Amino acid sequence: MGVLTGFHRLPPHVVTELDADSVSWLLGQSDDDSPGLALGYREGEHPPCLGVDKAWEDILKVLYGTDEYTASAALESDLRKDLDNWWEVRVYTPNEVAQGAAALAGLRLDEIRALALQRELTTYRGDPIGDSIDYVLHHLETVIEFWKEAATAGDGILSSTG
């Protein structure tokens, strides 16, 4: 398994207002609620989020390894190095989320499973994927649903990997 990854759904105005302080607040690295308040959240309120545990790198490996390039490319926005020093942070605009959700909606998990096993794909660590394919596809399914919900709401997404 890879590294921890999470996704945060953000209204369009929040996507455009992100800075290092608000990202630290979103990632739970700050006890100061003022960045969240400045973004329009109430004290103690946070945007919807999804954690995919350590499945992220393996999700990408499975998608690339089964020739699902459109879906895998949609999930890999450019890193925003200016937003955090400890985590890999990616920001997806509402338009990118809508395009990504459309690409993800076309995935057939049963076909991906069969092809991953047939091609004897390996995990991020080099182990045979067969031992963790259910874990990886379960998390991919949650990513698909999360992106669909974000696209339906017209939201952007911030992802963090660390």
C-alpha atoms as a PDB file:
ATOM      1  CA  MET A   1       0.000   0.000   0.000  1.00  0.00           C
ATOM      2  CA  GLY A   2       1.053   3.572  -0.652  1.00  0.00           C
ATOM      3  CA  VAL A   3       0.647   6.771   1.295  1.00  0.00           C
ATOM      4  CA  LEU A   4      -2.412   8.330   2.910  1.00  0.00           C
ATOM      5  CA  THR A   5      -4.637  10.369   0.590  1.00  0.00           C
ATOM      6  CA  GLY A   6      -7.760  12.409   1.201  1.00  0.00           C
ATOM      7  CA  PHE A   7     -10.170  14.466  -0.885  1.00  0.00           C
ATOM      8  CA  HIS A   8     -12.072  17.577   0.237  1.00  0.00           C
ATOM      9  CA  ARG A   9     -15.095  18.925  -1.659  1.00  0.00           C
ATOM     10  CA  LEU A  10     -14.951  22.680  -1.978  1.00  0.00           C
ATOM     11  CA  PRO A  11     -17.431  25.218  -3.342  1.00  0.00           C
ATOM     12  CA  PRO A  12     -16.065  27.135  -6.362  1.00  0.00           C
ATOM     13  CA  HIS A  13     -15.309  30.307  -4.383  1.00  0.00           C
ATOM     14  CA  VAL A  14     -13.202  28.313  -1.914  1.00  0.00           C
ATOM     15  CA  VAL A  15     -11.161  26.718  -4.722  1.00  0.00           C
ATOM     16  CA  THR A  16     -10.116  30.159  -5.934  1.00  0.00           C
ATOM     17  CA  GLU A  17      -9.322  31.466  -2.423  1.00  0.00           C
ATOM     18  CA  LEU A  18      -7.040  28.650  -1.242  1.00  0.00           C
ATOM     19  CA  ASP A  19      -3.771  29.628   0.358  1.00  0.00           C
ATOM     20  CA  ALA A  20      -1.274  27.813   2.586  1.00  0.00           C
ATOM     21  CA  ASP A  21      -3.185  28.706   5.786  1.00  0.00           C
ATOM     22  CA  SER A  22      -6.542  27.468   4.500  1.00  0.00           C
ATOM     23  CA  VAL A  23      -4.970  24.256   3.204  1.00  0.00           C
ATOM     24  CA  SER A  24      -3.354  23.636   6.604  1.00  0.00           C
ATOM     25  CA  TRP A  25      -6.765  24.169   8.201  1.00  0.00           C
ATOM     26  CA  LEU A  26      -8.461  21.804   5.712  1.00  0.00           C
ATOM     27  CA  LEU A  27      -5.847  19.128   6.374  1.00  0.00           C
ATOM     28  CA  GLY A  28      -6.360  19.418  10.128  1.00  0.00           C
ATOM     29  CA  GLN A  29      -2.880  20.806  10.718  1.00  0.00           C
ATOM     30  CA  SER A  30      -4.143  23.974  12.370  1.00  0.00           C
ATOM     31  CA  ASP A  31      -6.192  24.510  15.511  1.00  0.00           C
ATOM     32  CA  ASP A  32      -6.922  28.049  14.343  1.00  0.00           C
ATOM     33  CA  ASP A  33     -10.436  28.201  12.817  1.00  0.00           C
ATOM     34  CA  SER A  34      -9.865  31.638  11.247  1.00  0.00           C
ATOM     35  CA  PRO A  35      -8.851  30.247   7.808  1.00  0.00           C
ATOM     36  CA  GLY A  36     -12.058  28.210   7.722  1.00  0.00           C
ATOM     37  CA  LEU A  37     -14.118  31.175   8.879  1.00  0.00           C
ATOM     38  CA  ALA A  38     -12.525  33.314   6.147  1.00  0.00           C
ATOM     39  CA  LEU A  39     -13.626  30.719   3.582  1.00  0.00           C
ATOM     40  CA  GLY A  40     -17.220  30.888   4.840  1.00  0.00           C
ATOM     41  CA  TYR A  41     -17.325  27.844   7.119  1.00  0.00           C
ATOM     42  CA  ARG A  42     -18.797  28.106  10.599  1.00  0.00           C
ATOM     43  CA  GLU A  43     -16.712  27.298  13.654  1.00  0.00           C
ATOM     44  CA  GLY A  44     -16.213  23.528  13.817  1.00  0.00           C
ATOM     45  CA  GLU A  45     -17.630  23.015  10.315  1.00  0.00           C
ATOM     46  CA  HIS A  46     -15.544  21.365   7.593  1.00  0.00           C
ATOM     47  CA  PRO A  47     -16.275  20.461   3.978  1.00  0.00           C
ATOM     48  CA  PRO A  48     -17.202  16.890   3.035  1.00  0.00           C
ATOM     49  CA  CYS A  49     -14.109  14.735   2.759  1.00  0.00           C
ATOM     50  CA  LEU A  50     -13.106  11.238   1.732  1.00  0.00           C
ATOM     51  CA  GLY A  51     -10.057   9.323   2.874  1.00  0.00           C
ATOM     52  CA  VAL A  52      -8.774   6.507   0.716  1.00  0.00           C
ATOM     53  CA  ASP A  53      -6.327   5.256   3.308  1.00  0.00           C
ATOM     54  CA  LYS A  54      -3.196   4.034   1.533  1.00  0.00           C
ATOM     55  CA  ALA A  55      -4.893   2.925  -1.693  1.00  0.00           C
ATOM     56  CA  TRP A  56      -4.157   6.022  -3.786  1.00  0.00           C
ATOM     57  CA  GLU A  57      -0.938   4.942  -5.516  1.00  0.00           C
ATOM     58  CA  ASP A  58      -2.414   1.493  -6.165  1.00  0.00           C
ATOM     59  CA  ILE A  59      -5.605   3.011  -7.616  1.00  0.00           C
ATOM     60  CA  LEU A  60      -3.457   4.924 -10.101  1.00  0.00           C
ATOM     61  CA  LYS A  61      -1.322   1.854 -10.871  1.00  0.00           C
ATOM     62  CA  VAL A  62      -4.421  -0.250 -11.546  1.00  0.00           C
ATOM     63  CA  LEU A  63      -5.959   2.405 -13.790  1.00  0.00           C
ATOM     64  CA  TYR A  64      -2.760   2.873 -15.795  1.00  0.00           C
ATOM     65  CA  GLY A  65      -2.127  -0.878 -15.864  1.00  0.00           C
ATOM     66  CA  THR A  66      -5.566  -1.580 -17.301  1.00  0.00           C
ATOM     67  CA  ASP A  67      -5.292   1.181 -19.936  1.00  0.00           C
ATOM     68  CA  GLU A  68      -7.802   3.483 -18.228  1.00  0.00           C
ATOM     69  CA  TYR A  69      -5.692   6.501 -19.134  1.00  0.00           C
ATOM     70  CA  THR A  70      -8.499   9.053 -19.290  1.00  0.00           C
ATOM     71  CA  ALA A  71      -9.655   8.237 -15.766  1.00  0.00           C
ATOM     72  CA  SER A  72      -6.143   8.099 -14.332  1.00  0.00           C
ATOM     73  CA  ALA A  73      -5.153  11.380 -16.004  1.00  0.00           C
ATOM     74  CA  ALA A  74      -8.300  13.050 -14.650  1.00  0.00           C
ATOM     75  CA  LEU A  75      -7.228  12.126 -11.120  1.00  0.00           C
ATOM     76  CA  GLU A  76      -3.735  13.540 -11.468  1.00  0.00           C
ATOM     77  CA  SER A  77      -3.913  17.311 -11.472  1.00  0.00           C
ATOM     78  CA  ASP A  78      -0.706  19.305 -11.169  1.00  0.00           C
ATOM     79  CA  LEU A  79       0.847  19.495  -7.725  1.00  0.00           C
ATOM     80  CA  ARG A  80       0.446  22.831  -5.959  1.00  0.00           C
ATOM     81  CA  LYS A  81       3.800  23.132  -4.197  1.00  0.00           C
ATOM     82  CA  ASP A  82       2.925  26.618  -3.004  1.00  0.00           C
ATOM     83  CA  LEU A  83       0.120  25.350  -0.778  1.00  0.00           C
ATOM     84  CA  ASP A  84       1.820  22.932   1.622  1.00  0.00           C
ATOM     85  CA  ASN A  85       5.305  21.784   2.539  1.00  0.00           C
ATOM     86  CA  TRP A  86       4.453  18.367   3.940  1.00  0.00           C
ATOM     87  CA  TRP A  87       1.687  17.016   1.746  1.00  0.00           C
ATOM     88  CA  GLU A  88       1.305  16.679  -2.003  1.00  0.00           C
ATOM     89  CA  VAL A  89      -1.634  18.965  -2.676  1.00  0.00           C
ATOM     90  CA  ARG A  90      -3.691  18.979  -5.859  1.00  0.00           C
ATOM     91  CA  VAL A  91      -6.562  21.342  -6.617  1.00  0.00           C
ATOM     92  CA  TYR A  92      -9.276  20.434  -9.120  1.00  0.00           C
ATOM     93  CA  THR A  93     -11.587  23.148 -10.418  1.00  0.00           C
ATOM     94  CA  PRO A  94     -15.318  22.408 -10.732  1.00  0.00           C
ATOM     95  CA  ASN A  95     -14.776  21.957 -14.484  1.00  0.00           C
ATOM     96  CA  GLU A  96     -11.948  19.456 -13.901  1.00  0.00           C
ATOM     97  CA  VAL A  97     -14.130  17.622 -11.375  1.00  0.00           C
ATOM     98  CA  ALA A  98     -16.992  17.385 -13.884  1.00  0.00           C
ATOM     99  CA  GLN A  99     -14.642  16.025 -16.549  1.00  0.00           C
ATOM    100  CA  GLY A 100     -13.049  13.623 -14.072  1.00  0.00           C
ATOM    101  CA  ALA A 101     -16.410  12.403 -12.822  1.00  0.00           C
ATOM    102  CA  ALA A 102     -17.470  11.699 -16.414  1.00  0.00           C
ATOM    103  CA  ALA A 103     -14.292   9.697 -17.038  1.00  0.00           C
ATOM    104  CA  LEU A 104     -14.712   7.774 -13.792  1.00  0.00           C
ATOM    105  CA  ALA A 105     -18.391   7.037 -14.461  1.00  0.00           C
ATOM    106  CA  GLY A 106     -17.418   4.941 -17.453  1.00  0.00           C
ATOM    107  CA  LEU A 107     -15.206   2.574 -15.470  1.00  0.00           C
ATOM    108  CA  ARG A 108     -16.286  -1.052 -15.185  1.00  0.00           C
ATOM    109  CA  LEU A 109     -14.743  -2.323 -11.969  1.00  0.00           C
ATOM    110  CA  ASP A 110     -15.359  -5.981 -12.792  1.00  0.00           C
ATOM    111  CA  GLU A 111     -13.450  -5.589 -16.062  1.00  0.00           C
ATOM    112  CA  ILE A 112     -10.661  -3.681 -14.313  1.00  0.00           C
ATOM    113  CA  ARG A 113     -10.379  -6.463 -11.725  1.00  0.00           C
ATOM    114  CA  ALA A 114     -10.162  -9.178 -14.381  1.00  0.00           C
ATOM    115  CA  LEU A 115      -7.613  -7.275 -16.450  1.00  0.00           C
ATOM    116  CA  ALA A 116      -5.460  -6.369 -13.434  1.00  0.00           C
ATOM    117  CA  LEU A 117      -5.298 -10.024 -12.429  1.00  0.00           C
ATOM    118  CA  GLN A 118      -4.740 -11.228 -15.986  1.00  0.00           C
ATOM    119  CA  ARG A 119      -1.868  -8.772 -16.478  1.00  0.00           C
ATOM    120  CA  GLU A 120      -0.450  -9.679 -13.073  1.00  0.00           C
ATOM    121  CA  LEU A 121      -0.183  -6.057 -12.026  1.00  0.00           C
ATOM    122  CA  THR A 122       1.766  -5.216  -8.925  1.00  0.00           C
ATOM    123  CA  THR A 123       1.087  -2.792  -6.110  1.00  0.00           C
ATOM    124  CA  TYR A 124       2.944   0.400  -5.289  1.00  0.00           C
ATOM    125  CA  ARG A 125       5.361  -1.747  -3.248  1.00  0.00           C
ATOM    126  CA  GLY A 126       5.794  -4.373  -5.970  1.00  0.00           C
ATOM    127  CA  ASP A 127       3.588  -7.079  -4.450  1.00  0.00           C
ATOM    128  CA  PRO A 128       1.096  -8.976  -6.642  1.00  0.00           C
ATOM    129  CA  ILE A 129      -2.133  -6.940  -6.906  1.00  0.00           C
ATOM    130  CA  GLY A 130      -4.263 -10.048  -6.357  1.00  0.00           C
ATOM    131  CA  ASP A 131      -3.780  -9.833  -2.597  1.00  0.00           C
ATOM    132  CA  SER A 132      -5.180  -6.304  -2.416  1.00  0.00           C
ATOM    133  CA  ILE A 133      -7.356  -5.852  -5.514  1.00  0.00           C
ATOM    134  CA  ASP A 134     -10.592  -5.842  -3.499  1.00  0.00           C
ATOM    135  CA  TYR A 135      -9.202  -3.176  -1.158  1.00  0.00           C
ATOM    136  CA  VAL A 136      -8.036  -1.020  -4.079  1.00  0.00           C
ATOM    137  CA  LEU A 137     -11.278  -1.341  -6.051  1.00  0.00           C
ATOM    138  CA  HIS A 138     -13.380  -0.640  -2.962  1.00  0.00           C
ATOM    139  CA  HIS A 139     -11.540   2.662  -2.528  1.00  0.00           C
ATOM    140  CA  LEU A 140     -11.761   3.399  -6.251  1.00  0.00           C
ATOM    141  CA  GLU A 141     -15.522   2.920  -5.991  1.00  0.00           C
ATOM    142  CA  THR A 142     -15.676   5.466  -3.154  1.00  0.00           C
ATOM    143  CA  VAL A 143     -13.583   7.909  -5.227  1.00  0.00           C
ATOM    144  CA  ILE A 144     -15.981   7.503  -8.156  1.00  0.00           C
ATOM    145  CA  GLU A 145     -18.982   8.264  -5.937  1.00  0.00           C
ATOM    146  CA  PHE A 146     -17.275  11.208  -4.217  1.00  0.00           C
ATOM    147  CA  TRP A 147     -16.335  12.788  -7.549  1.00  0.00           C
ATOM    148  CA  LYS A 148     -19.856  12.215  -8.874  1.00  0.00           C
ATOM    149  CA  GLU A 149     -21.341  13.981  -5.841  1.00  0.00           C
ATOM    150  CA  ALA A 150     -18.859  16.852  -6.187  1.00  0.00           C
ATOM    151  CA  ALA A 151     -19.611  17.239  -9.902  1.00  0.00           C
ATOM    152  CA  THR A 152     -23.360  17.194  -9.244  1.00  0.00           C
ATOM    153  CA  ALA A 153     -22.940  19.951  -6.647  1.00  0.00           C
ATOM    154  CA  GLY A 154     -20.651  21.987  -8.936  1.00  0.00           C
ATOM    155  CA  ASP A 155     -17.809  21.710  -6.407  1.00  0.00           C
ATOM    156  CA  GLY A 156     -14.069  21.589  -6.814  1.00  0.00           C
ATOM    157  CA  ILE A 157     -11.810  19.178  -4.963  1.00  0.00           C
ATOM    158  CA  LEU A 158      -8.587  19.494  -3.019  1.00  0.00           C
ATOM    159  CA  SER A 159      -6.613  16.280  -2.612  1.00  0.00           C
ATOM    160  CA  SER A 160      -3.781  15.727  -0.209  1.00  0.00           C
ATOM    161  CA  THR A 161      -1.259  12.897  -0.154  1.00  0.00           C
ATOM    162  CA  GLY A 162       1.325  12.498   2.526  1.00  0.00           C
END
